[in-house]
Amino acid sequence: MNKARRKRLAEAAELLEQALTIISEAKDEEQDAFDNLPESIQQGERGQTMEEAINSLDDIHTAVEEARDTLAGIAGGA
């Protein structure tokens, strides 16, 4: 892979790093909001919806991390 393509992939990896920050912040904020709800609401439909969102954001964070790491590896040496 030539230098220009590696540079573009490194830029993409940097953008994914920014996305990770946003996803992490959103997940943390949602978790804090959930934790501050009364237990009765946590166990209700609203709480379940919030927990599903938190779990989804965690899954997305993991997937984006893997993509970032793969891109960084390619950009760093292929």
PDB file of N, CA and C in Angstrom:
ATOM      1  N   MET A   1       0.857  -1.167   0.000  1.00  0.00           N
ATOM      2  CA  MET A   1       0.000   0.000   0.000  1.00  0.00           C
ATOM      3  C   MET A   1       0.904   1.231   0.000  1.00  0.00           C
ATOM      4  N   ASN A   2       0.518   2.192  -0.817  1.00  0.00           N
ATOM      5  CA  ASN A   2       1.374   3.375  -0.904  1.00  0.00           C
ATOM      6  C   ASN A   2       1.146   4.331   0.265  1.00  0.00           C
ATOM      7  N   LYS A   3       2.041   5.299   0.351  1.00  0.00           N
ATOM      8  CA  LYS A   3       2.048   6.230   1.481  1.00  0.00           C
ATOM      9  C   LYS A   3       0.751   7.039   1.564  1.00  0.00           C
ATOM     10  N   ALA A   4       0.225   7.476   0.428  1.00  0.00           N
ATOM     11  CA  ALA A   4      -0.997   8.295   0.419  1.00  0.00           C
ATOM     12  C   ALA A   4      -2.185   7.504   0.966  1.00  0.00           C
ATOM     13  N   ARG A   5      -2.319   6.243   0.570  1.00  0.00           N
ATOM     14  CA  ARG A   5      -3.431   5.426   1.072  1.00  0.00           C
ATOM     15  C   ARG A   5      -3.261   5.132   2.558  1.00  0.00           C
ATOM     16  N   ARG A   6      -2.027   4.853   2.980  1.00  0.00           N
ATOM     17  CA  ARG A   6      -1.793   4.631   4.413  1.00  0.00           C
ATOM     18  C   ARG A   6      -2.146   5.878   5.219  1.00  0.00           C
ATOM     19  N   LYS A   7      -1.817   7.046   4.681  1.00  0.00           N
ATOM     20  CA  LYS A   7      -2.136   8.299   5.368  1.00  0.00           C
ATOM     21  C   LYS A   7      -3.647   8.467   5.497  1.00  0.00           C
ATOM     22  N   ARG A   8      -4.388   8.169   4.433  1.00  0.00           N
ATOM     23  CA  ARG A   8      -5.853   8.290   4.486  1.00  0.00           C
ATOM     24  C   ARG A   8      -6.439   7.321   5.502  1.00  0.00           C
ATOM     25  N   LEU A   9      -5.884   6.116   5.572  1.00  0.00           N
ATOM     26  CA  LEU A   9      -6.368   5.145   6.555  1.00  0.00           C
ATOM     27  C   LEU A   9      -6.032   5.588   7.975  1.00  0.00           C
ATOM     28  N   ALA A  10      -4.875   6.193   8.152  1.00  0.00           N
ATOM     29  CA  ALA A  10      -4.522   6.726   9.473  1.00  0.00           C
ATOM     30  C   ALA A  10      -5.491   7.840   9.868  1.00  0.00           C
ATOM     31  N   GLU A  11      -5.880   8.670   8.908  1.00  0.00           N
ATOM     32  CA  GLU A  11      -6.870   9.720   9.180  1.00  0.00           C
ATOM     33  C   GLU A  11      -8.211   9.104   9.570  1.00  0.00           C
ATOM     34  N   ALA A  12      -8.599   8.036   8.878  1.00  0.00           N
ATOM     35  CA  ALA A  12      -9.852   7.351   9.218  1.00  0.00           C
ATOM     36  C   ALA A  12      -9.780   6.780  10.630  1.00  0.00           C
ATOM     37  N   ALA A  13      -8.635   6.225  10.999  1.00  0.00           N
ATOM     38  CA  ALA A  13      -8.463   5.687  12.352  1.00  0.00           C
ATOM     39  C   ALA A  13      -8.590   6.805  13.387  1.00  0.00           C
ATOM     40  N   GLU A  14      -8.070   7.982  13.075  1.00  0.00           N
ATOM     41  CA  GLU A  14      -8.195   9.126  13.986  1.00  0.00           C
ATOM     42  C   GLU A  14      -9.659   9.550  14.137  1.00  0.00           C
ATOM     43  N   LEU A  15     -10.404   9.532  13.041  1.00  0.00           N
ATOM     44  CA  LEU A  15     -11.832   9.870  13.114  1.00  0.00           C
ATOM     45  C   LEU A  15     -12.591   8.850  13.955  1.00  0.00           C
ATOM     46  N   LEU A  16     -12.207   7.589  13.824  1.00  0.00           N
ATOM     47  CA  LEU A  16     -12.842   6.565  14.650  1.00  0.00           C
ATOM     48  C   LEU A  16     -12.513   6.788  16.126  1.00  0.00           C
ATOM     49  N   GLU A  17     -11.325   7.274  16.404  1.00  0.00           N
ATOM     50  CA  GLU A  17     -10.956   7.598  17.787  1.00  0.00           C
ATOM     51  C   GLU A  17     -11.867   8.696  18.332  1.00  0.00           C
ATOM     52  N   GLN A  18     -12.153   9.689  17.504  1.00  0.00           N
ATOM     53  CA  GLN A  18     -13.082  10.743  17.916  1.00  0.00           C
ATOM     54  C   GLN A  18     -14.478  10.166  18.151  1.00  0.00           C
ATOM     55  N   ALA A  19     -14.902   9.268  17.274  1.00  0.00           N
ATOM     56  CA  ALA A  19     -16.208   8.626  17.440  1.00  0.00           C
ATOM     57  C   ALA A  19     -16.255   7.842  18.745  1.00  0.00           C
ATOM     58  N   LEU A  20     -15.165   7.174  19.091  1.00  0.00           N
ATOM     59  CA  LEU A  20     -15.117   6.423  20.346  1.00  0.00           C
ATOM     60  C   LEU A  20     -15.344   7.332  21.549  1.00  0.00           C
ATOM     61  N   THR A  21     -14.766   8.510  21.507  1.00  0.00           N
ATOM     62  CA  THR A  21     -14.950   9.461  22.603  1.00  0.00           C
ATOM     63  C   THR A  21     -16.418   9.857  22.730  1.00  0.00           C
ATOM     64  N   ILE A  22     -17.053  10.155  21.607  1.00  0.00           N
ATOM     65  CA  ILE A  22     -18.462  10.551  21.613  1.00  0.00           C
ATOM     66  C   ILE A  22     -19.340   9.412  22.116  1.00  0.00           C
ATOM     67  N   ILE A  23     -19.091   8.207  21.627  1.00  0.00           N
ATOM     68  CA  ILE A  23     -19.879   7.041  22.038  1.00  0.00           C
ATOM     69  C   ILE A  23     -19.707   6.787  23.531  1.00  0.00           C
ATOM     70  N   SER A  24     -18.481   6.859  24.001  1.00  0.00           N
ATOM     71  CA  SER A  24     -18.198   6.623  25.414  1.00  0.00           C
ATOM     72  C   SER A  24     -18.886   7.659  26.297  1.00  0.00           C
ATOM     73  N   GLU A  25     -18.823   8.915  25.887  1.00  0.00           N
ATOM     74  CA  GLU A  25     -19.478   9.972  26.662  1.00  0.00           C
ATOM     75  C   GLU A  25     -20.991   9.768  26.703  1.00  0.00           C
ATOM     76  N   ALA A  26     -21.580   9.420  25.560  1.00  0.00           N
ATOM     77  CA  ALA A  26     -23.027   9.195  25.507  1.00  0.00           C
ATOM     78  C   ALA A  26     -23.420   8.018  26.388  1.00  0.00           C
ATOM     79  N   LYS A  27     -22.627   6.952  26.334  1.00  0.00           N
ATOM     80  CA  LYS A  27     -22.914   5.775  27.164  1.00  0.00           C
ATOM     81  C   LYS A  27     -22.813   6.126  28.647  1.00  0.00           C
ATOM     82  N   ASP A  28     -21.769   6.844  29.021  1.00  0.00           N
ATOM     83  CA  ASP A  28     -21.595   7.230  30.423  1.00  0.00           C
ATOM     84  C   ASP A  28     -22.734   8.125  30.907  1.00  0.00           C
ATOM     85  N   GLU A  29     -23.155   9.062  30.060  1.00  0.00           N
ATOM     86  CA  GLU A  29     -24.261   9.944  30.431  1.00  0.00           C
ATOM     87  C   GLU A  29     -25.556   9.157  30.602  1.00  0.00           C
ATOM     88  N   GLU A  30     -25.798   8.213  29.698  1.00  0.00           N
ATOM     89  CA  GLU A  30     -27.014   7.398  29.798  1.00  0.00           C
ATOM     90  C   GLU A  30     -26.959   6.512  31.041  1.00  0.00           C
ATOM     91  N   GLN A  31     -25.775   5.972  31.344  1.00  0.00           N
ATOM     92  CA  GLN A  31     -25.625   5.145  32.538  1.00  0.00           C
ATOM     93  C   GLN A  31     -25.871   5.974  33.800  1.00  0.00           C
ATOM     94  N   ASP A  32     -25.329   7.184  33.828  1.00  0.00           N
ATOM     95  CA  ASP A  32     -25.557   8.067  34.979  1.00  0.00           C
ATOM     96  C   ASP A  32     -27.037   8.396  35.135  1.00  0.00           C
ATOM     97  N   ALA A  33     -27.696   8.680  34.013  1.00  0.00           N
ATOM     98  CA  ALA A  33     -29.128   8.989  34.063  1.00  0.00           C
ATOM     99  C   ALA A  33     -29.910   7.788  34.585  1.00  0.00           C
ATOM    100  N   PHE A  34     -29.551   6.595  34.110  1.00  0.00           N
ATOM    101  CA  PHE A  34     -30.214   5.373  34.570  1.00  0.00           C
ATOM    102  C   PHE A  34     -29.986   5.176  36.067  1.00  0.00           C
ATOM    103  N   ASP A  35     -28.743   5.334  36.494  1.00  0.00           N
ATOM    104  CA  ASP A  35     -28.400   5.123  37.902  1.00  0.00           C
ATOM    105  C   ASP A  35     -29.130   6.093  38.834  1.00  0.00           C
ATOM    106  N   ASN A  36     -29.470   7.262  38.326  1.00  0.00           N
ATOM    107  CA  ASN A  36     -30.149   8.265  39.143  1.00  0.00           C
ATOM    108  C   ASN A  36     -31.668   8.128  39.140  1.00  0.00           C
ATOM    109  N   LEU A  37     -32.192   7.173  38.386  1.00  0.00           N
ATOM    110  CA  LEU A  37     -33.634   6.934  38.385  1.00  0.00           C
ATOM    111  C   LEU A  37     -34.036   6.166  39.635  1.00  0.00           C
ATOM    112  N   PRO A  38     -35.249   6.377  40.097  1.00  0.00           N
ATOM    113  CA  PRO A  38     -35.753   5.523  41.178  1.00  0.00           C
ATOM    114  C   PRO A  38     -35.804   4.068  40.703  1.00  0.00           C
ATOM    115  N   GLU A  39     -35.629   3.150  41.625  1.00  0.00           N
ATOM    116  CA  GLU A  39     -35.591   1.731  41.276  1.00  0.00           C
ATOM    117  C   GLU A  39     -36.851   1.290  40.535  1.00  0.00           C
ATOM    118  N   SER A  40     -37.989   1.840  40.909  1.00  0.00           N
ATOM    119  CA  SER A  40     -39.237   1.445  40.251  1.00  0.00           C
ATOM    120  C   SER A  40     -39.225   1.801  38.767  1.00  0.00           C
ATOM    121  N   ILE A  41     -38.612   2.914  38.410  1.00  0.00           N
ATOM    122  CA  ILE A  41     -38.519   3.300  36.997  1.00  0.00           C
ATOM    123  C   ILE A  41     -37.432   2.486  36.306  1.00  0.00           C
ATOM    124  N   GLN A  42     -36.327   2.212  37.005  1.00  0.00           N
ATOM    125  CA  GLN A  42     -35.266   1.385  36.425  1.00  0.00           C
ATOM    126  C   GLN A  42     -35.810   0.030  35.993  1.00  0.00           C
ATOM    127  N   GLN A  43     -36.715  -0.510  36.786  1.00  0.00           N
ATOM    128  CA  GLN A  43     -37.242  -1.842  36.498  1.00  0.00           C
ATOM    129  C   GLN A  43     -38.404  -1.815  35.515  1.00  0.00           C
ATOM    130  N   GLY A  44     -38.878  -0.633  35.174  1.00  0.00           N
ATOM    131  CA  GLY A  44     -39.989  -0.509  34.243  1.00  0.00           C
ATOM    132  C   GLY A  44     -39.518  -0.453  32.802  1.00  0.00           C
ATOM    133  N   GLU A  45     -40.458  -0.152  31.931  1.00  0.00           N
ATOM    134  CA  GLU A  45     -40.178  -0.106  30.495  1.00  0.00           C
ATOM    135  C   GLU A  45     -39.113   0.934  30.154  1.00  0.00           C
ATOM    136  N   ARG A  46     -39.211   2.101  30.770  1.00  0.00           N
ATOM    137  CA  ARG A  46     -38.222   3.158  30.512  1.00  0.00           C
ATOM    138  C   ARG A  46     -36.821   2.700  30.905  1.00  0.00           C
ATOM    139  N   GLY A  47     -36.703   2.080  32.059  1.00  0.00           N
ATOM    140  CA  GLY A  47     -35.407   1.589  32.508  1.00  0.00           C
ATOM    141  C   GLY A  47     -34.853   0.511  31.596  1.00  0.00           C
ATOM    142  N   GLN A  48     -35.725  -0.381  31.147  1.00  0.00           N
ATOM    143  CA  GLN A  48     -35.286  -1.439  30.235  1.00  0.00           C
ATOM    144  C   GLN A  48     -34.791  -0.850  28.921  1.00  0.00           C
ATOM    145  N   THR A  49     -35.512   0.154  28.424  1.00  0.00           N
ATOM    146  CA  THR A  49     -35.101   0.811  27.183  1.00  0.00           C
ATOM    147  C   THR A  49     -33.737   1.474  27.353  1.00  0.00           C
ATOM    148  N   MET A  50     -33.536   2.107  28.494  1.00  0.00           N
ATOM    149  CA  MET A  50     -32.250   2.748  28.758  1.00  0.00           C
ATOM    150  C   MET A  50     -31.132   1.715  28.861  1.00  0.00           C
ATOM    151  N   GLU A  51     -31.391   0.601  29.529  1.00  0.00           N
ATOM    152  CA  GLU A  51     -30.378  -0.455  29.644  1.00  0.00           C
ATOM    153  C   GLU A  51     -30.028  -1.026  28.279  1.00  0.00           C
ATOM    154  N   GLU A  52     -31.023  -1.207  27.425  1.00  0.00           N
ATOM    155  CA  GLU A  52     -30.766  -1.704  26.073  1.00  0.00           C
ATOM    156  C   GLU A  52     -29.888  -0.721  25.300  1.00  0.00           C
ATOM    157  N   ALA A  53     -30.165   0.570  25.454  1.00  0.00           N
ATOM    158  CA  ALA A  53     -29.347   1.580  24.781  1.00  0.00           C
ATOM    159  C   ALA A  53     -27.912   1.547  25.293  1.00  0.00           C
ATOM    160  N   ILE A  54     -27.750   1.418  26.594  1.00  0.00           N
ATOM    161  CA  ILE A  54     -26.413   1.347  27.193  1.00  0.00           C
ATOM    162  C   ILE A  54     -25.655   0.134  26.665  1.00  0.00           C
ATOM    163  N   ASN A  55     -26.321  -1.007  26.624  1.00  0.00           N
ATOM    164  CA  ASN A  55     -25.683  -2.222  26.114  1.00  0.00           C
ATOM    165  C   ASN A  55     -25.336  -2.087  24.641  1.00  0.00           C
ATOM    166  N   SER A  56     -26.228  -1.480  23.863  1.00  0.00           N
ATOM    167  CA  SER A  56     -25.955  -1.279  22.441  1.00  0.00           C
ATOM    168  C   SER A  56     -24.765  -0.354  22.240  1.00  0.00           C
ATOM    169  N   LEU A  57     -24.708   0.723  23.011  1.00  0.00           N
ATOM    170  CA  LEU A  57     -23.574   1.640  22.904  1.00  0.00           C
ATOM    171  C   LEU A  57     -22.269   0.951  23.274  1.00  0.00           C
ATOM    172  N   ASP A  58     -22.315   0.060  24.242  1.00  0.00           N
ATOM    173  CA  ASP A  58     -21.127  -0.701  24.621  1.00  0.00           C
ATOM    174  C   ASP A  58     -20.686  -1.610  23.473  1.00  0.00           C
ATOM    175  N   ASP A  59     -21.646  -2.274  22.832  1.00  0.00           N
ATOM    176  CA  ASP A  59     -21.333  -3.135  21.686  1.00  0.00           C
ATOM    177  C   ASP A  59     -20.754  -2.323  20.531  1.00  0.00           C
ATOM    178  N   ILE A  60     -21.351  -1.167  20.275  1.00  0.00           N
ATOM    179  CA  ILE A  60     -20.867  -0.298  19.203  1.00  0.00           C
ATOM    180  C   ILE A  60     -19.449   0.176  19.511  1.00  0.00           C
ATOM    181  N   HIS A  61     -19.203   0.543  20.748  1.00  0.00           N
ATOM    182  CA  HIS A  61     -17.866   0.999  21.153  1.00  0.00           C
ATOM    183  C   HIS A  61     -16.827  -0.083  20.861  1.00  0.00           C
ATOM    184  N   THR A  62     -17.153  -1.319  21.210  1.00  0.00           N
ATOM    185  CA  THR A  62     -16.234  -2.435  20.965  1.00  0.00           C
ATOM    186  C   THR A  62     -15.972  -2.607  19.473  1.00  0.00           C
ATOM    187  N   ALA A  63     -17.022  -2.538  18.662  1.00  0.00           N
ATOM    188  CA  ALA A  63     -16.872  -2.713  17.214  1.00  0.00           C
ATOM    189  C   ALA A  63     -16.032  -1.591  16.606  1.00  0.00           C
ATOM    190  N   VAL A  64     -16.256  -0.372  17.042  1.00  0.00           N
ATOM    191  CA  VAL A  64     -15.494   0.761  16.512  1.00  0.00           C
ATOM    192  C   VAL A  64     -14.034   0.669  16.953  1.00  0.00           C
ATOM    193  N   GLU A  65     -13.799   0.219  18.181  1.00  0.00           N
ATOM    194  CA  GLU A  65     -12.418   0.014  18.646  1.00  0.00           C
ATOM    195  C   GLU A  65     -11.688  -0.983  17.754  1.00  0.00           C
ATOM    196  N   GLU A  66     -12.361  -2.081  17.446  1.00  0.00           N
ATOM    197  CA  GLU A  66     -11.749  -3.097  16.592  1.00  0.00           C
ATOM    198  C   GLU A  66     -11.452  -2.540  15.206  1.00  0.00           C
ATOM    199  N   ALA A  67     -12.384  -1.768  14.658  1.00  0.00           N
ATOM    200  CA  ALA A  67     -12.168  -1.165  13.340  1.00  0.00           C
ATOM    201  C   ALA A  67     -10.999  -0.187  13.378  1.00  0.00           C
ATOM    202  N   ARG A  68     -10.952   0.636  14.419  1.00  0.00           N
ATOM    203  CA  ARG A  68      -9.854   1.599  14.570  1.00  0.00           C
ATOM    204  C   ARG A  68      -8.512   0.887  14.645  1.00  0.00           C
ATOM    205  N   ASP A  69      -8.448  -0.156  15.454  1.00  0.00           N
ATOM    206  CA  ASP A  69      -7.196  -0.886  15.623  1.00  0.00           C
ATOM    207  C   ASP A  69      -6.758  -1.550  14.324  1.00  0.00           C
ATOM    208  N   THR A  70      -7.711  -2.098  13.590  1.00  0.00           N
ATOM    209  CA  THR A  70      -7.393  -2.732  12.312  1.00  0.00           C
ATOM    210  C   THR A  70      -6.867  -1.702  11.321  1.00  0.00           C
ATOM    211  N   LEU A  71      -7.559  -0.572  11.222  1.00  0.00           N
ATOM    212  CA  LEU A  71      -7.101   0.491  10.320  1.00  0.00           C
ATOM    213  C   LEU A  71      -5.726   1.009  10.715  1.00  0.00           C
ATOM    214  N   ALA A  72      -5.518   1.211  11.992  1.00  0.00           N
ATOM    215  CA  ALA A  72      -4.221   1.706  12.456  1.00  0.00           C
ATOM    216  C   ALA A  72      -3.118   0.714  12.108  1.00  0.00           C
ATOM    217  N   GLY A  73      -3.416  -0.569  12.234  1.00  0.00           N
ATOM    218  CA  GLY A  73      -2.436  -1.589  11.878  1.00  0.00           C
ATOM    219  C   GLY A  73      -2.094  -1.570  10.404  1.00  0.00           C
ATOM    220  N   ILE A  74      -3.110  -1.420   9.580  1.00  0.00           N
ATOM    221  CA  ILE A  74      -2.881  -1.363   8.134  1.00  0.00           C
ATOM    222  C   ILE A  74      -2.106  -0.100   7.779  1.00  0.00           C
ATOM    223  N   ALA A  75      -2.517   1.017   8.342  1.00  0.00           N
ATOM    224  CA  ALA A  75      -1.881   2.296   8.029  1.00  0.00           C
ATOM    225  C   ALA A  75      -0.441   2.337   8.520  1.00  0.00           C
ATOM    226  N   GLY A  76      -0.170   1.577   9.559  1.00  0.00           N
ATOM    227  CA  GLY A  76       1.159   1.611  10.141  1.00  0.00           C
ATOM    228  C   GLY A  76       2.192   0.762   9.443  1.00  0.00           C
ATOM    229  N   GLY A  77       1.754  -0.133   8.560  1.00  0.00           N
ATOM    230  CA  GLY A  77       2.796  -0.968   8.016  1.00  0.00           C
ATOM    231  C   GLY A  77       2.513  -1.749   6.760  1.00  0.00           C
ATOM    232  N   ALA A  78       1.316  -1.714   6.242  1.00  0.00           N
ATOM    233  CA  ALA A  78       1.036  -2.549   5.065  1.00  0.00           C
ATOM    234  C   ALA A  78       1.578  -1.944   3.804  1.00  0.00           C
TER     235      ALA A  78
END
